Protein backbone atom coordinates (compact mmCIF):
# COMPACT_ATOMS: atom_id res chain seq x y z
CA UNK A 1 125.99 -152.64 93.43
CA UNK A 2 126.80 -153.78 90.10
CA UNK A 3 125.56 -157.45 89.73
CA UNK A 4 126.96 -159.40 86.77
CA UNK A 5 123.98 -161.79 86.67
CA UNK A 6 121.79 -158.99 85.53
CA UNK A 7 123.75 -158.61 82.29
CA UNK A 8 121.31 -160.58 80.30
CA UNK A 9 123.03 -161.53 76.88
CA UNK A 10 121.03 -161.76 73.88
CA UNK A 11 122.19 -163.83 70.78
CA UNK A 12 125.41 -161.99 69.91
CA UNK A 13 126.76 -164.31 67.22
CA UNK A 14 129.76 -164.65 69.45
CA UNK A 15 133.10 -165.31 67.68
CA UNK A 16 136.69 -166.06 69.11
CA UNK A 17 139.30 -164.00 67.76
CA UNK A 18 142.32 -162.33 69.33
CA UNK A 19 139.59 -160.55 71.48
CA UNK A 20 136.88 -162.30 73.35
CA UNK A 21 133.62 -160.62 72.04
CA UNK A 22 131.42 -162.35 74.45
CA UNK A 23 133.37 -160.56 77.27
CA UNK A 24 133.39 -157.37 75.70
CA UNK A 25 129.58 -157.36 75.28
CA UNK A 26 128.87 -158.60 78.72
CA UNK A 27 131.18 -156.05 80.37
CA UNK A 28 129.62 -153.23 78.16
CA UNK A 29 125.90 -154.23 79.12
CA UNK A 30 126.71 -154.76 82.76
CA UNK A 31 128.35 -151.15 82.77
CA UNK A 32 125.32 -149.73 80.59
CA UNK A 33 122.84 -151.03 83.05
CA UNK A 34 124.71 -149.40 86.19
CA UNK A 35 125.63 -145.76 84.93
CA UNK A 36 127.17 -143.23 87.07
CA UNK A 37 127.33 -139.43 86.05
CA UNK A 38 130.44 -137.48 86.49
CA UNK A 39 131.95 -137.36 89.92
CA UNK A 40 129.86 -140.41 90.85
CA UNK A 41 131.66 -143.16 89.30
CA UNK A 42 132.26 -145.27 92.57
CA UNK A 43 130.55 -148.32 91.51
CA UNK A 44 131.89 -148.10 87.88
CA UNK A 45 135.20 -147.99 89.03
CA UNK A 46 135.34 -150.85 91.59
CA UNK A 47 133.82 -153.05 88.91
CA UNK A 48 136.69 -152.07 86.46
CA UNK A 49 139.20 -152.38 89.08
CA UNK A 50 137.92 -155.83 89.89
CA UNK A 51 138.18 -157.06 86.35
CA UNK A 52 141.79 -155.41 85.92
CA UNK A 53 142.89 -157.38 89.26
CA UNK A 54 141.41 -160.58 87.80
CA UNK A 55 143.94 -159.91 84.85
CA UNK A 56 146.60 -160.19 87.36
CA UNK A 57 147.38 -156.44 87.01
CA UNK A 58 148.12 -154.02 89.66
CA UNK A 59 145.62 -151.25 90.25
CA UNK A 60 145.71 -147.83 91.80
CA UNK A 61 142.38 -146.36 92.58
CA UNK A 62 140.78 -143.05 93.60
CA UNK A 63 143.19 -140.80 91.30
CA UNK A 64 141.53 -137.51 90.78
CA UNK A 65 138.22 -138.67 92.23
CA UNK A 66 137.28 -142.20 91.19
CA UNK A 67 139.96 -142.46 88.54
CA UNK A 68 142.04 -145.37 88.36
CA UNK A 69 145.03 -146.97 86.66
CA UNK A 70 146.50 -150.54 86.09
CA UNK A 71 150.16 -151.00 85.15
CA UNK A 72 151.79 -153.97 83.63
CA UNK A 73 155.75 -153.36 84.03
CA UNK A 74 157.95 -153.94 81.29
CA UNK A 75 161.22 -153.38 79.53
CA UNK A 76 162.36 -149.78 80.48
CA UNK A 77 164.28 -149.73 77.06
CA UNK A 78 161.13 -150.13 75.00
CA UNK A 79 158.24 -147.72 74.56
CA UNK A 80 155.76 -147.23 77.57
CA UNK A 81 152.35 -146.96 76.05
CA UNK A 82 148.83 -146.13 77.67
CA UNK A 83 145.28 -146.68 76.82
CA UNK A 84 142.54 -144.36 78.34
CA UNK A 85 138.84 -144.89 78.62
CA UNK A 86 136.26 -142.44 80.21
CA UNK A 87 133.91 -143.70 82.56
CA UNK A 88 130.96 -141.29 83.38
CA UNK A 89 127.53 -141.26 82.07
CA UNK A 90 124.97 -138.54 81.35
CA UNK A 91 121.86 -137.34 83.28
CA UNK A 92 119.30 -138.65 80.67
CA UNK A 93 116.61 -140.93 80.98
CA UNK A 94 116.84 -144.02 78.72
CA UNK A 95 113.79 -144.79 76.65
CA UNK A 96 115.08 -148.10 75.01
CA UNK A 97 113.51 -151.24 75.86
CA UNK A 98 116.61 -153.75 75.76
CA UNK A 99 117.70 -156.31 78.30
CA UNK A 100 120.39 -154.06 79.14
CA UNK A 101 118.65 -150.78 79.72
CA UNK A 102 119.66 -148.54 82.33
CA UNK A 103 118.45 -149.53 85.83
CA UNK A 104 119.06 -146.03 87.16
CA UNK A 105 116.24 -143.52 86.18
CA UNK A 106 117.81 -140.20 84.87
CA UNK A 107 121.19 -141.61 84.31
CA UNK A 108 122.55 -143.26 80.97
CA UNK A 109 125.45 -144.01 79.06
CA UNK A 110 124.50 -141.89 76.07
CA UNK A 111 127.80 -141.23 74.91
CA UNK A 112 129.53 -144.71 74.59
CA UNK A 113 131.79 -144.65 77.71
CA UNK A 114 130.42 -148.09 78.54
CA UNK A 115 131.89 -149.28 75.35
CA UNK A 116 135.15 -147.31 75.68
CA UNK A 117 135.59 -149.16 79.13
CA UNK A 118 134.83 -152.42 77.64
CA UNK A 119 137.05 -152.06 74.59
CA UNK A 120 140.13 -151.19 76.90
CA UNK A 121 139.34 -153.87 79.12
CA UNK A 122 139.27 -156.10 76.34
CA UNK A 123 142.63 -154.90 74.95
CA UNK A 124 143.99 -155.20 78.55
CA UNK A 125 143.14 -158.70 78.77
CA UNK A 126 144.74 -159.71 75.55
CA UNK A 127 148.00 -157.47 76.30
CA UNK A 128 148.54 -159.20 79.75
CA UNK A 129 148.05 -162.68 78.10
CA UNK A 130 150.68 -161.61 75.35
CA UNK A 131 152.98 -158.73 76.85
CA UNK A 132 154.62 -156.72 73.95
CA UNK A 133 157.74 -155.96 75.83
CA UNK A 134 157.25 -152.25 77.19
CA UNK A 135 155.62 -150.95 80.07
CA UNK A 136 151.69 -150.55 79.77
CA UNK A 137 149.13 -148.42 81.73
CA UNK A 138 145.57 -148.93 81.49
CA UNK A 139 143.74 -145.40 82.59
CA UNK A 140 140.23 -145.04 83.48
CA UNK A 141 139.22 -141.51 83.62
CA UNK A 142 136.01 -139.81 85.71
CA UNK A 143 134.31 -136.66 84.63
CA UNK A 144 134.83 -136.44 81.00
CA UNK A 145 131.24 -134.97 80.54
CA UNK A 146 131.66 -132.17 83.11
CA UNK A 147 134.40 -129.55 82.78
CA UNK A 148 137.01 -128.99 83.95
CA UNK A 149 137.03 -132.81 83.30
CA UNK A 150 138.95 -135.77 84.81
CA UNK A 151 141.90 -135.92 82.40
CA UNK A 152 143.57 -132.86 83.61
CA UNK A 153 143.43 -133.98 87.14
CA UNK A 154 144.89 -137.34 86.11
CA UNK A 155 147.70 -135.75 84.34
CA UNK A 156 148.30 -133.75 87.31
CA UNK A 157 148.25 -136.68 89.51
CA UNK A 158 151.14 -138.17 87.50
CA UNK A 159 149.53 -141.15 85.53
CA UNK A 160 151.92 -140.34 82.65
CA UNK A 161 155.12 -140.52 84.71
CA UNK A 162 156.89 -143.39 86.51
CA UNK A 163 157.30 -144.80 84.13
CA UNK A 164 156.96 -142.02 81.65
CA UNK A 165 154.33 -142.58 78.80
CA UNK A 166 155.67 -142.37 75.22
CA UNK A 167 152.36 -142.71 73.68
CA UNK A 168 148.54 -142.80 74.47
CA UNK A 169 145.80 -143.88 72.49
CA UNK A 170 141.86 -143.64 72.94
CA UNK A 171 138.89 -144.32 70.81
CA UNK A 172 135.31 -142.88 70.78
CA UNK A 173 132.48 -144.84 69.26
CA UNK A 174 130.11 -143.25 66.44
CA UNK A 175 127.02 -144.38 64.84
CA UNK A 176 127.87 -141.86 62.20
CA UNK A 177 130.17 -144.47 60.95
CA UNK A 178 129.10 -148.01 60.16
CA UNK A 179 130.55 -150.99 62.07
CA UNK A 180 133.87 -152.08 60.63
CA UNK A 181 135.02 -148.44 59.87
CA UNK A 182 137.69 -146.40 61.75
CA UNK A 183 137.88 -142.63 61.32
CA UNK A 184 141.16 -141.01 61.32
CA UNK A 185 142.01 -137.39 61.31
CA UNK A 186 145.29 -135.69 61.15
CA UNK A 187 145.70 -132.81 63.37
CA UNK A 188 142.94 -131.43 65.71
CA UNK A 189 140.44 -133.94 65.49
CA UNK A 190 138.07 -132.69 68.38
CA UNK A 191 137.36 -129.06 69.10
CA UNK A 192 137.82 -126.31 71.73
CA UNK A 193 134.73 -126.61 73.75
CA UNK A 194 134.20 -123.36 75.81
CA UNK A 195 131.02 -122.02 77.59
CA UNK A 196 129.81 -118.55 78.34
CA UNK A 197 127.17 -116.55 80.35
CA UNK A 198 126.11 -113.11 78.69
CA UNK A 199 123.96 -110.85 80.56
CA UNK A 200 122.46 -107.71 78.69
CA UNK A 201 121.74 -104.95 81.32
CA UNK A 202 119.35 -102.00 80.58
CA UNK A 203 116.41 -100.05 82.17
CA UNK A 204 113.23 -101.73 82.74
CA UNK A 205 109.88 -100.24 82.55
CA UNK A 206 106.22 -100.50 80.85
CA UNK A 207 105.81 -102.01 77.53
CA UNK A 208 103.70 -99.19 76.57
CA UNK A 209 106.50 -96.58 77.16
CA UNK A 210 109.58 -98.11 75.54
CA UNK A 211 111.27 -94.64 75.08
CA UNK A 212 111.62 -94.36 78.98
CA UNK A 213 113.55 -97.59 79.10
CA UNK A 214 116.61 -99.27 77.76
CA UNK A 215 115.14 -102.08 76.09
CA UNK A 216 117.28 -105.30 76.89
CA UNK A 217 115.11 -107.42 74.72
CA UNK A 218 115.78 -105.40 71.64
CA UNK A 219 119.45 -105.02 72.48
CA UNK A 220 119.81 -108.86 72.91
CA UNK A 221 118.33 -109.44 69.71
CA UNK A 222 120.88 -107.20 68.05
CA UNK A 223 123.81 -108.35 69.96
CA UNK A 224 122.97 -112.21 69.06
CA UNK A 225 122.80 -111.04 65.40
CA UNK A 226 125.88 -109.32 65.44
CA UNK A 227 127.83 -112.37 67.28
CA UNK A 228 126.61 -114.48 64.61
CA UNK A 229 128.36 -112.41 62.11
CA UNK A 230 131.85 -112.93 63.69
CA UNK A 231 132.70 -116.12 61.87
CA UNK A 232 131.30 -114.78 58.67
CA UNK A 233 133.03 -111.49 58.75
CA UNK A 234 135.78 -111.51 61.15
CA UNK A 235 137.27 -115.05 60.83
CA UNK A 236 138.96 -116.83 57.98
CA UNK A 237 135.73 -118.62 56.39
CA UNK A 238 137.82 -121.68 55.92
CA UNK A 239 138.53 -121.99 59.87
CA UNK A 240 135.82 -124.09 61.41
CA UNK A 241 133.91 -121.84 64.37
CA UNK A 242 130.70 -122.54 65.93
CA UNK A 243 128.95 -119.81 68.29
CA UNK A 244 125.89 -121.02 69.57
CA UNK A 245 123.14 -119.39 72.02
CA UNK A 246 121.53 -122.00 73.93
CA UNK A 247 119.40 -120.46 76.58
CA UNK A 248 117.91 -117.00 77.00
CA UNK A 249 115.81 -115.84 79.83
CA UNK A 250 114.40 -112.28 80.11
CA UNK A 251 111.30 -110.89 81.46
CA UNK A 252 108.23 -111.67 83.67
CA UNK A 253 105.25 -110.39 81.64
CA UNK A 254 104.16 -109.54 78.27
CA UNK A 255 103.79 -105.80 79.10
CA UNK A 256 107.13 -105.33 81.20
CA UNK A 257 110.50 -104.80 79.55
CA UNK A 258 112.95 -106.29 81.66
CA UNK A 259 116.13 -104.77 82.87
CA UNK A 260 118.17 -107.85 82.42
CA UNK A 261 118.33 -110.73 79.64
CA UNK A 262 120.68 -113.74 80.52
CA UNK A 263 121.94 -115.81 77.97
CA UNK A 264 124.40 -118.95 78.00
CA UNK A 265 126.17 -120.43 75.10
CA UNK A 266 129.17 -122.32 73.67
CA UNK A 267 131.99 -121.60 71.19
CA UNK A 268 133.53 -124.34 69.39
CA UNK A 269 136.71 -124.34 67.20
CA UNK A 270 139.76 -126.31 66.23
CA UNK A 271 142.44 -123.97 67.48
CA UNK A 272 143.17 -122.02 70.65
CA UNK A 273 144.36 -118.92 68.60
CA UNK A 274 140.82 -118.89 66.72
CA UNK A 275 139.22 -119.03 70.33
CA UNK A 276 141.29 -115.90 71.42
CA UNK A 277 140.14 -114.08 68.33
CA UNK A 278 136.38 -115.07 68.67
CA UNK A 279 136.47 -113.83 72.46
CA UNK A 280 138.07 -110.57 71.44
CA UNK A 281 135.55 -110.02 68.63
CA UNK A 282 132.88 -110.82 71.20
CA UNK A 283 133.79 -108.29 73.46
CA UNK A 284 134.15 -105.70 70.59
CA UNK A 285 130.63 -106.55 69.05
CA UNK A 286 128.98 -106.66 72.53
CA UNK A 287 130.53 -103.04 73.59
CA UNK A 288 129.44 -101.57 70.32
CA UNK A 289 125.81 -103.04 70.45
CA UNK A 290 125.43 -102.10 73.95
CA UNK A 291 126.81 -98.59 73.89
CA UNK A 292 124.76 -97.69 70.75
CA UNK A 293 121.64 -98.10 72.94
CA UNK A 294 122.84 -97.02 76.35
CA UNK A 295 122.95 -100.67 77.68
CA UNK A 296 125.78 -102.65 79.10
CA UNK A 297 126.93 -106.19 79.00
CA UNK A 298 128.51 -108.73 81.52
CA UNK A 299 130.42 -111.55 79.79
CA UNK A 300 131.58 -114.65 81.93
CA UNK A 301 133.55 -116.54 79.50
CA UNK A 302 134.51 -120.16 80.60
CA UNK A 303 137.66 -121.55 79.25
CA UNK A 304 136.63 -125.50 78.52
CA UNK A 305 138.84 -128.41 76.92
CA UNK A 306 141.59 -127.53 74.38
CA UNK A 307 141.47 -129.06 71.28
CA UNK A 308 142.64 -132.74 70.86
CA UNK A 309 145.51 -132.98 68.59
CA UNK A 310 146.67 -136.05 66.87
CA UNK A 311 150.44 -136.86 66.43
CA UNK A 312 150.95 -137.51 62.81
CA UNK A 313 153.69 -140.32 63.09
CA UNK A 314 151.61 -142.11 65.41
CA UNK A 315 148.39 -141.67 63.39
CA UNK A 316 150.25 -143.15 60.37
CA UNK A 317 151.09 -146.16 62.47
CA UNK A 318 147.67 -146.64 63.45
CA UNK A 319 146.43 -146.33 60.11
CA UNK A 320 149.13 -149.22 58.98
CA UNK A 321 147.89 -151.35 61.92
CA UNK A 322 144.22 -150.91 60.88
CA UNK A 323 144.79 -152.03 57.29
CA UNK A 324 146.17 -155.36 58.51
CA UNK A 325 142.69 -156.15 60.58
CA UNK A 326 140.34 -158.07 58.54
CA UNK A 327 136.94 -156.24 57.96
CA UNK A 328 138.21 -152.91 59.03
CA UNK A 329 137.90 -149.79 56.70
CA UNK A 330 139.70 -146.86 57.05
CA UNK A 331 137.97 -143.52 56.76
CA UNK A 332 140.20 -140.48 56.54
CA UNK A 333 137.89 -137.71 58.04
CA UNK A 334 137.52 -134.66 55.70
CA UNK A 335 137.02 -132.29 58.80
CA UNK A 336 137.19 -132.42 62.72
CA UNK A 337 134.41 -133.01 65.08
CA UNK A 338 133.35 -129.70 66.74
CA UNK A 339 132.67 -131.71 70.07
CA UNK A 340 134.96 -131.42 72.97
CA UNK A 341 137.02 -133.94 74.70
CA UNK A 342 139.05 -133.87 77.68
CA UNK A 343 141.49 -136.40 76.20
CA UNK A 344 142.95 -133.22 75.07
CA UNK A 345 145.01 -132.88 78.31
CA UNK A 346 146.70 -136.29 77.38
CA UNK A 347 147.33 -135.47 73.78
CA UNK A 348 148.95 -132.04 74.85
CA UNK A 349 151.14 -134.00 77.44
CA UNK A 350 152.44 -136.91 75.39
CA UNK A 351 152.16 -137.94 71.81
CA UNK A 352 148.74 -139.37 71.28
CA UNK A 353 146.17 -140.46 68.76
CA UNK A 354 142.34 -140.46 69.32
CA UNK A 355 140.34 -142.30 66.58
CA UNK A 356 136.66 -143.25 66.11
CA UNK A 357 135.23 -146.50 65.99
CA UNK A 358 132.20 -146.97 63.86
CA UNK A 359 129.30 -148.41 65.69
CA UNK A 360 126.27 -147.71 63.26
CA UNK A 361 124.08 -149.88 61.60
CA UNK A 362 120.56 -149.73 60.04
CA UNK A 363 119.04 -150.21 63.44
CA UNK A 364 121.75 -147.95 65.42
CA UNK A 365 121.85 -144.41 63.97
CA UNK A 366 121.34 -142.36 67.17
CA UNK A 367 123.46 -139.41 68.08
CA UNK A 368 125.37 -138.97 71.13
CA UNK A 369 123.78 -137.52 74.05
CA UNK A 370 120.28 -138.76 72.98
CA UNK A 371 117.75 -140.71 75.20
CA UNK A 372 117.51 -143.53 72.66
CA UNK A 373 121.31 -143.98 71.98
CA UNK A 374 122.61 -147.29 71.48
CA UNK A 375 125.17 -149.24 69.44
CA UNK A 376 125.91 -152.08 67.28
CA UNK A 377 127.91 -154.36 69.54
CA UNK A 378 129.99 -155.72 66.96
CA UNK A 379 131.97 -152.34 67.05
CA UNK A 380 133.46 -153.58 70.41
CA UNK A 381 135.64 -156.42 68.77
CA UNK A 382 137.11 -153.76 66.13
CA UNK A 383 137.94 -151.04 68.72
CA UNK A 384 139.26 -153.31 71.17
CA UNK A 385 141.58 -155.24 68.44
CA UNK A 386 142.71 -152.02 67.05
CA UNK A 387 143.79 -150.72 70.37
CA UNK A 388 145.40 -153.82 71.39
CA UNK A 389 147.42 -154.22 68.09
CA UNK A 390 148.59 -150.76 68.11
CA UNK A 391 149.86 -151.09 71.56
CA UNK A 392 151.65 -154.11 70.65
CA UNK A 393 153.28 -152.57 67.52
CA UNK A 394 154.33 -149.53 69.74
CA UNK A 395 155.50 -151.12 73.02
CA UNK A 396 157.59 -153.66 71.14
CA UNK A 397 159.77 -151.04 69.79
CA UNK A 398 162.67 -149.52 71.40
CA UNK A 399 162.25 -145.91 72.97
CA UNK A 400 161.22 -143.60 70.23
CA UNK A 401 160.62 -139.64 70.71
CA UNK A 402 157.30 -139.21 68.42
CA UNK A 403 157.66 -135.50 68.79
CA UNK A 404 160.84 -135.43 66.67
CA UNK A 405 161.24 -135.70 63.09
CA UNK A 406 163.29 -138.20 61.52
CA UNK A 407 162.90 -140.94 64.33
CA UNK A 408 161.17 -143.98 63.28
């Protein structure tokens, strides 16, 4: 069970602002020490629910697995606003030597979901103490790291209804930006994230007699090269596309030509239309290469998360709020990220903004999903403050349809 006494606090230069930094650090470290991977977030959800109830919020649990939502009722004539945090960790062994190191071998918060939960909890505490007017929802989602993800199921379960959500916000920490930076992008900020399994089928035989075989190794080499040319020769070169082969398995001995080679990979792009074209061209390329050598292929294409689309009007509002937060610098991102995020299902359902909170420093420069990932915890205050002040701004206004032009 999660034990708060285990969350030893080092010197954090705690300052009191609108957000209680001491609590943010404590919550984040407790959650970091007790990670749970996708579909296993039982204790994580219970801890978060306990904190929300201590704030006086009504909590609904076990939504789409271990998802939960707290609601603060408000004026139905004003905007209903939601915040979302993801809860799951990754199957990674942490190598950091910190007082808050993961206590669960093989599991680690290596993508910052512990920080996301802490920031939304911090925003929730401030907002419950100073209600902005409209109803608020605090959504904690399971299984972001494992498609099909928890966001789609939570949307299907009705978390954006009764009352209907007018706007939703979320953030993701990143060590690519220094603490005190917020990254904003107009449009598809996170990519389509699909996976595939590809098998090249031929006829095996002796390595000394390749003419009596259909050499799947040779065909595979040509197939990979041909697929890598899809972006450079079939897709507009200004369109961001990544096609990566991550695993290859074929053969059992150095002198045996195998009858099958199996590969797995991923496709990333910023638009669903581009995804459709990439898949079409994959079939064309693979059909041509395998036909030329008498082989055939089997392609199992797995649709993953859609792109995360930022609402331009809400994004402008977030930028305005960020400009008024002391010490916070805005970075207008030049290009989207090619990572996937199932917040996309929320952004497809209601107007949304997904922004990046810088957590990097000279010591904290590690990339997501690495065994030494850690953050500068000063980022927590900036992220929680921007979330809380943005919600206050939106939820204090009368109902607005942010999808419609001309409203303000």
